[in-house]
Amino acid sequence: MAFIIFGVLMISFFSRSNFFKNLLRSYIPSGSGPSKKERKNHWFKSVFIAKLKKSEIEVHISGGDPGYEETAKFISESALCIINDRDKLLNDRGVLTPMECMGNLLITRLENSGLQIIIKD
């Protein structure tokens, strides 16, 4: 962890210099990400397993390109859920994960935006 923090601090410090800033930019130039055609071939599938004393729940989430399109859906739908459905959220418990706070509201939004979510009891 200390090496990661040290590395981030060093990059932050050196990136203030135009020489180092241009050097860092030369490694991965802006706009060099995958094309729309390449992103159409990308996909992801995540499986989450929660084990309780007497039962187990599996959640399968899958979708298209996780780096660009699906990440944007997660962020956008979460924001819209907070803005449009604030009165339906669990918001009286302190710090919560997005799933604890938004629950089925977020699941419905994500499914409507094209993600596949399967819950197996």
N, C-alpha and C. Protein backbone atom coordinates (compact mmCIF):
# COMPACT_ATOMS: atom_id res chain seq x y z
N MET A 1 0.82 -1.18 0.00
CA MET A 1 0.00 0.00 0.00
C MET A 1 0.87 1.25 0.00
N ALA A 2 1.96 1.22 0.75
CA ALA A 2 2.85 2.37 0.82
C ALA A 2 3.46 2.67 -0.55
N PHE A 3 3.81 1.61 -1.31
CA PHE A 3 4.38 1.82 -2.64
C PHE A 3 3.36 2.46 -3.58
N ILE A 4 2.11 2.05 -3.49
CA ILE A 4 1.06 2.62 -4.34
C ILE A 4 0.88 4.10 -4.01
N ILE A 5 0.79 4.42 -2.73
CA ILE A 5 0.63 5.81 -2.32
C ILE A 5 1.84 6.63 -2.76
N PHE A 6 3.03 6.09 -2.56
CA PHE A 6 4.25 6.78 -2.97
C PHE A 6 4.25 7.02 -4.49
N GLY A 7 3.86 6.01 -5.25
CA GLY A 7 3.81 6.13 -6.71
C GLY A 7 2.84 7.20 -7.17
N VAL A 8 1.65 7.21 -6.57
CA VAL A 8 0.64 8.22 -6.93
C VAL A 8 1.14 9.62 -6.57
N LEU A 9 1.75 9.75 -5.41
CA LEU A 9 2.29 11.06 -5.01
C LEU A 9 3.39 11.52 -5.96
N MET A 10 4.26 10.61 -6.37
CA MET A 10 5.34 10.98 -7.28
C MET A 10 4.79 11.40 -8.64
N ILE A 11 3.83 10.66 -9.16
CA ILE A 11 3.23 11.03 -10.44
C ILE A 11 2.53 12.38 -10.32
N SER A 12 1.82 12.60 -9.21
CA SER A 12 1.16 13.89 -8.99
C SER A 12 2.18 15.02 -8.94
N PHE A 13 3.28 14.80 -8.26
CA PHE A 13 4.32 15.83 -8.12
C PHE A 13 4.98 16.12 -9.48
N PHE A 14 5.41 15.06 -10.17
CA PHE A 14 6.13 15.25 -11.42
C PHE A 14 5.21 15.73 -12.55
N SER A 15 3.92 15.42 -12.49
CA SER A 15 3.02 15.83 -13.57
C SER A 15 2.78 17.34 -13.59
N ARG A 16 3.24 18.04 -12.59
CA ARG A 16 3.13 19.51 -12.59
C ARG A 16 4.14 20.13 -13.54
N SER A 17 5.19 19.41 -13.86
CA SER A 17 6.20 19.87 -14.80
C SER A 17 5.75 19.54 -16.21
N ASN A 18 5.84 20.50 -17.14
CA ASN A 18 5.41 20.26 -18.53
C ASN A 18 6.18 19.11 -19.16
N PHE A 19 7.48 19.00 -18.86
CA PHE A 19 8.27 17.91 -19.43
C PHE A 19 7.70 16.55 -19.03
N PHE A 20 7.48 16.36 -17.74
CA PHE A 20 6.96 15.06 -17.27
C PHE A 20 5.50 14.86 -17.67
N LYS A 21 4.73 15.94 -17.72
CA LYS A 21 3.34 15.84 -18.14
C LYS A 21 3.27 15.31 -19.58
N ASN A 22 4.07 15.88 -20.46
CA ASN A 22 4.09 15.42 -21.86
C ASN A 22 4.63 14.01 -21.97
N LEU A 23 5.61 13.66 -21.13
CA LEU A 23 6.15 12.31 -21.13
C LEU A 23 5.06 11.30 -20.73
N LEU A 24 4.31 11.61 -19.68
CA LEU A 24 3.23 10.72 -19.25
C LEU A 24 2.15 10.60 -20.32
N ARG A 25 1.81 11.71 -20.96
CA ARG A 25 0.79 11.69 -22.01
C ARG A 25 1.23 10.88 -23.23
N SER A 26 2.53 10.81 -23.48
CA SER A 26 3.01 10.09 -24.66
C SER A 26 2.83 8.57 -24.52
N TYR A 27 2.74 8.06 -23.30
CA TYR A 27 2.57 6.62 -23.11
C TYR A 27 1.19 6.15 -23.56
N ILE A 28 0.16 6.90 -23.21
CA ILE A 28 -1.20 6.55 -23.62
C ILE A 28 -1.86 7.85 -24.11
N PRO A 29 -1.76 8.13 -25.40
CA PRO A 29 -2.33 9.37 -25.90
C PRO A 29 -3.86 9.39 -25.80
N SER A 30 -4.40 10.57 -25.64
CA SER A 30 -5.84 10.74 -25.55
C SER A 30 -6.52 10.19 -26.81
N GLY A 31 -7.61 9.49 -26.61
CA GLY A 31 -8.35 8.93 -27.75
C GLY A 31 -7.81 7.60 -28.23
N SER A 32 -6.88 6.98 -27.50
CA SER A 32 -6.29 5.73 -27.96
C SER A 32 -7.02 4.50 -27.41
N GLY A 33 -8.18 4.70 -26.82
CA GLY A 33 -8.94 3.58 -26.29
C GLY A 33 -9.53 2.73 -27.41
N PRO A 34 -10.26 1.70 -27.06
CA PRO A 34 -10.83 0.81 -28.08
C PRO A 34 -11.90 1.53 -28.91
N SER A 35 -12.01 1.12 -30.18
CA SER A 35 -13.03 1.69 -31.06
C SER A 35 -14.41 1.15 -30.68
N LYS A 36 -15.44 1.76 -31.25
CA LYS A 36 -16.81 1.30 -30.98
C LYS A 36 -16.98 -0.15 -31.43
N LYS A 37 -16.37 -0.49 -32.55
CA LYS A 37 -16.44 -1.86 -33.07
C LYS A 37 -15.79 -2.85 -32.10
N GLU A 38 -14.62 -2.49 -31.56
CA GLU A 38 -13.93 -3.35 -30.59
C GLU A 38 -14.75 -3.49 -29.30
N ARG A 39 -15.34 -2.38 -28.85
CA ARG A 39 -16.13 -2.42 -27.61
C ARG A 39 -17.35 -3.32 -27.74
N LYS A 40 -17.89 -3.45 -28.95
CA LYS A 40 -19.05 -4.33 -29.14
C LYS A 40 -18.71 -5.79 -28.87
N ASN A 41 -17.43 -6.16 -28.97
CA ASN A 41 -16.99 -7.54 -28.71
C ASN A 41 -16.64 -7.78 -27.25
N HIS A 42 -16.63 -6.73 -26.43
CA HIS A 42 -16.28 -6.88 -25.02
C HIS A 42 -17.52 -7.20 -24.20
N TRP A 43 -17.33 -7.93 -23.12
CA TRP A 43 -18.43 -8.28 -22.24
C TRP A 43 -17.88 -8.59 -20.86
N PHE A 44 -18.76 -8.72 -19.89
CA PHE A 44 -18.35 -9.14 -18.56
C PHE A 44 -19.46 -9.96 -17.92
N LYS A 45 -19.06 -10.77 -16.97
CA LYS A 45 -20.02 -11.52 -16.15
C LYS A 45 -19.41 -11.61 -14.75
N SER A 46 -20.16 -11.17 -13.76
CA SER A 46 -19.72 -11.25 -12.37
C SER A 46 -20.71 -12.10 -11.60
N VAL A 47 -20.17 -12.93 -10.73
CA VAL A 47 -21.01 -13.78 -9.87
C VAL A 47 -20.68 -13.46 -8.42
N PHE A 48 -21.71 -13.10 -7.66
CA PHE A 48 -21.54 -12.79 -6.24
C PHE A 48 -22.30 -13.85 -5.45
N ILE A 49 -21.66 -14.37 -4.41
CA ILE A 49 -22.29 -15.40 -3.59
C ILE A 49 -22.31 -14.93 -2.15
N ALA A 50 -23.50 -14.90 -1.57
CA ALA A 50 -23.65 -14.54 -0.15
C ALA A 50 -24.08 -15.79 0.59
N LYS A 51 -23.31 -16.19 1.59
CA LYS A 51 -23.63 -17.38 2.37
C LYS A 51 -24.12 -16.95 3.74
N LEU A 52 -25.31 -17.40 4.05
CA LEU A 52 -25.88 -17.16 5.37
C LEU A 52 -25.81 -18.47 6.15
N LYS A 53 -26.28 -18.46 7.38
CA LYS A 53 -26.21 -19.69 8.18
C LYS A 53 -26.97 -20.84 7.55
N LYS A 54 -28.17 -20.56 7.02
CA LYS A 54 -29.01 -21.65 6.51
C LYS A 54 -29.31 -21.53 5.02
N SER A 55 -28.76 -20.54 4.36
CA SER A 55 -29.06 -20.39 2.94
C SER A 55 -27.90 -19.72 2.20
N GLU A 56 -28.08 -19.67 0.90
CA GLU A 56 -27.07 -19.06 0.04
C GLU A 56 -27.79 -18.33 -1.09
N ILE A 57 -27.27 -17.18 -1.47
CA ILE A 57 -27.85 -16.41 -2.57
C ILE A 57 -26.74 -16.14 -3.57
N GLU A 58 -27.05 -16.34 -4.84
CA GLU A 58 -26.12 -16.06 -5.93
C GLU A 58 -26.70 -14.96 -6.79
N VAL A 59 -25.88 -13.99 -7.15
CA VAL A 59 -26.31 -12.93 -8.05
C VAL A 59 -25.36 -12.91 -9.24
N HIS A 60 -25.91 -13.04 -10.44
CA HIS A 60 -25.14 -13.01 -11.68
C HIS A 60 -25.46 -11.69 -12.38
N ILE A 61 -24.43 -10.92 -12.68
CA ILE A 61 -24.59 -9.66 -13.40
C ILE A 61 -23.74 -9.74 -14.65
N SER A 62 -24.34 -9.46 -15.81
CA SER A 62 -23.58 -9.51 -17.05
C SER A 62 -24.03 -8.39 -17.98
N GLY A 63 -23.13 -8.04 -18.88
CA GLY A 63 -23.43 -6.97 -19.83
C GLY A 63 -22.33 -6.83 -20.85
N GLY A 64 -22.37 -5.72 -21.55
CA GLY A 64 -21.40 -5.45 -22.61
C GLY A 64 -20.08 -4.93 -22.06
N ASP A 65 -19.47 -4.03 -22.80
CA ASP A 65 -18.16 -3.49 -22.47
C ASP A 65 -18.16 -2.84 -21.09
N PRO A 66 -17.40 -3.41 -20.14
CA PRO A 66 -17.42 -2.87 -18.78
C PRO A 66 -16.62 -1.59 -18.63
N GLY A 67 -15.66 -1.36 -19.50
CA GLY A 67 -14.78 -0.21 -19.34
C GLY A 67 -15.39 1.12 -19.72
N TYR A 68 -16.32 1.12 -20.62
CA TYR A 68 -16.89 2.37 -21.10
C TYR A 68 -18.40 2.40 -20.90
N GLU A 69 -19.11 1.53 -21.60
CA GLU A 69 -20.56 1.63 -21.65
C GLU A 69 -21.26 1.20 -20.36
N GLU A 70 -20.92 0.05 -19.83
CA GLU A 70 -21.64 -0.44 -18.65
C GLU A 70 -21.29 0.37 -17.40
N THR A 71 -20.04 0.80 -17.28
CA THR A 71 -19.67 1.64 -16.14
C THR A 71 -20.49 2.93 -16.16
N ALA A 72 -20.65 3.51 -17.35
CA ALA A 72 -21.45 4.73 -17.48
C ALA A 72 -22.90 4.47 -17.07
N LYS A 73 -23.41 3.29 -17.40
CA LYS A 73 -24.79 2.95 -17.00
C LYS A 73 -24.91 2.84 -15.48
N PHE A 74 -23.94 2.17 -14.85
CA PHE A 74 -23.98 2.04 -13.38
C PHE A 74 -23.99 3.42 -12.72
N ILE A 75 -23.11 4.30 -13.17
CA ILE A 75 -23.02 5.63 -12.56
C ILE A 75 -24.27 6.45 -12.85
N SER A 76 -24.70 6.48 -14.11
CA SER A 76 -25.86 7.28 -14.50
C SER A 76 -27.15 6.81 -13.83
N GLU A 77 -27.38 5.52 -13.84
CA GLU A 77 -28.61 4.99 -13.25
C GLU A 77 -28.62 5.17 -11.74
N SER A 78 -27.45 5.07 -11.10
CA SER A 78 -27.38 5.34 -9.66
C SER A 78 -27.72 6.79 -9.38
N ALA A 79 -27.17 7.70 -10.17
CA ALA A 79 -27.45 9.13 -9.99
C ALA A 79 -28.93 9.43 -10.22
N LEU A 80 -29.50 8.86 -11.28
CA LEU A 80 -30.92 9.09 -11.55
C LEU A 80 -31.80 8.51 -10.46
N CYS A 81 -31.38 7.38 -9.91
CA CYS A 81 -32.12 6.77 -8.82
C CYS A 81 -32.14 7.70 -7.60
N ILE A 82 -30.99 8.28 -7.30
CA ILE A 82 -30.90 9.20 -6.16
C ILE A 82 -31.73 10.45 -6.41
N ILE A 83 -31.68 10.98 -7.63
CA ILE A 83 -32.40 12.22 -7.95
C ILE A 83 -33.91 11.99 -8.03
N ASN A 84 -34.33 10.96 -8.76
CA ASN A 84 -35.76 10.75 -9.04
C ASN A 84 -36.50 9.97 -7.97
N ASP A 85 -35.81 9.12 -7.23
CA ASP A 85 -36.49 8.24 -6.26
C ASP A 85 -35.98 8.44 -4.84
N ARG A 86 -35.55 9.62 -4.53
CA ARG A 86 -34.94 9.90 -3.23
C ARG A 86 -35.83 9.48 -2.05
N ASP A 87 -37.14 9.70 -2.20
CA ASP A 87 -38.06 9.37 -1.11
C ASP A 87 -38.24 7.87 -0.89
N LYS A 88 -37.82 7.05 -1.88
CA LYS A 88 -37.96 5.59 -1.76
C LYS A 88 -36.67 4.91 -1.30
N LEU A 89 -35.60 5.67 -1.11
CA LEU A 89 -34.31 5.10 -0.76
C LEU A 89 -34.19 4.87 0.75
N LEU A 90 -33.36 3.93 1.10
CA LEU A 90 -33.02 3.69 2.50
C LEU A 90 -31.91 4.67 2.85
N ASN A 91 -32.26 5.80 3.46
CA ASN A 91 -31.26 6.84 3.67
C ASN A 91 -31.20 7.32 5.12
N ASP A 92 -31.56 6.48 6.04
CA ASP A 92 -31.53 6.89 7.45
C ASP A 92 -30.60 6.01 8.28
N ARG A 93 -29.57 5.45 7.63
CA ARG A 93 -28.72 4.48 8.32
C ARG A 93 -27.24 4.81 8.29
N GLY A 94 -26.82 5.99 7.91
CA GLY A 94 -25.39 6.29 7.85
C GLY A 94 -24.81 5.92 6.50
N VAL A 95 -23.60 5.41 6.48
CA VAL A 95 -22.91 5.07 5.23
C VAL A 95 -23.38 3.71 4.74
N LEU A 96 -23.90 3.67 3.51
CA LEU A 96 -24.41 2.44 2.91
C LEU A 96 -23.77 2.20 1.56
N THR A 97 -23.74 0.95 1.14
CA THR A 97 -23.32 0.66 -0.23
C THR A 97 -24.46 1.08 -1.16
N PRO A 98 -24.18 1.29 -2.45
CA PRO A 98 -25.27 1.64 -3.37
C PRO A 98 -26.40 0.62 -3.37
N MET A 99 -26.04 -0.65 -3.28
CA MET A 99 -27.08 -1.69 -3.30
C MET A 99 -27.94 -1.66 -2.05
N GLU A 100 -27.33 -1.42 -0.88
CA GLU A 100 -28.12 -1.31 0.35
C GLU A 100 -29.08 -0.14 0.26
N CYS A 101 -28.60 0.96 -0.26
CA CYS A 101 -29.39 2.19 -0.30
C CYS A 101 -30.49 2.13 -1.36
N MET A 102 -30.16 1.67 -2.56
CA MET A 102 -31.10 1.74 -3.69
C MET A 102 -31.81 0.43 -4.01
N GLY A 103 -31.22 -0.69 -3.65
CA GLY A 103 -31.84 -2.01 -3.79
C GLY A 103 -32.52 -2.27 -5.12
N ASN A 104 -33.78 -2.69 -5.04
CA ASN A 104 -34.53 -3.08 -6.23
C ASN A 104 -34.74 -1.93 -7.20
N LEU A 105 -34.76 -0.69 -6.71
CA LEU A 105 -34.88 0.46 -7.61
C LEU A 105 -33.71 0.49 -8.60
N LEU A 106 -32.51 0.27 -8.11
CA LEU A 106 -31.33 0.28 -8.97
C LEU A 106 -31.31 -0.95 -9.87
N ILE A 107 -31.69 -2.10 -9.35
CA ILE A 107 -31.74 -3.33 -10.17
C ILE A 107 -32.67 -3.12 -11.36
N THR A 108 -33.85 -2.58 -11.12
CA THR A 108 -34.82 -2.34 -12.20
C THR A 108 -34.24 -1.38 -13.23
N ARG A 109 -33.62 -0.30 -12.77
CA ARG A 109 -33.03 0.68 -13.69
C ARG A 109 -31.94 0.04 -14.54
N LEU A 110 -31.07 -0.75 -13.91
CA LEU A 110 -29.97 -1.39 -14.64
C LEU A 110 -30.50 -2.41 -15.65
N GLU A 111 -31.50 -3.17 -15.27
CA GLU A 111 -32.10 -4.13 -16.20
C GLU A 111 -32.74 -3.40 -17.39
N ASN A 112 -33.41 -2.29 -17.12
CA ASN A 112 -34.03 -1.51 -18.20
C ASN A 112 -33.00 -0.87 -19.13
N SER A 113 -31.77 -0.70 -18.63
CA SER A 113 -30.72 -0.11 -19.47
C SER A 113 -29.91 -1.19 -20.22
N GLY A 114 -30.27 -2.46 -20.05
CA GLY A 114 -29.65 -3.52 -20.84
C GLY A 114 -28.76 -4.50 -20.09
N LEU A 115 -28.52 -4.29 -18.81
CA LEU A 115 -27.74 -5.26 -18.05
C LEU A 115 -28.62 -6.44 -17.68
N GLN A 116 -28.01 -7.61 -17.56
CA GLN A 116 -28.75 -8.79 -17.14
C GLN A 116 -28.38 -9.10 -15.70
N ILE A 117 -29.40 -9.16 -14.84
CA ILE A 117 -29.18 -9.46 -13.42
C ILE A 117 -30.09 -10.63 -13.06
N ILE A 118 -29.46 -11.71 -12.59
CA ILE A 118 -30.20 -12.91 -12.21
C ILE A 118 -29.89 -13.19 -10.74
N ILE A 119 -30.93 -13.32 -9.93
CA ILE A 119 -30.77 -13.62 -8.51
C ILE A 119 -31.28 -15.03 -8.28
N LYS A 120 -30.40 -15.89 -7.75
CA LYS A 120 -30.75 -17.29 -7.47
C LYS A 120 -30.74 -17.51 -5.97
N ASP A 121 -31.86 -17.97 -5.44
CA ASP A 121 -31.95 -18.26 -4.01
C ASP A 121 -31.48 -19.66 -3.71
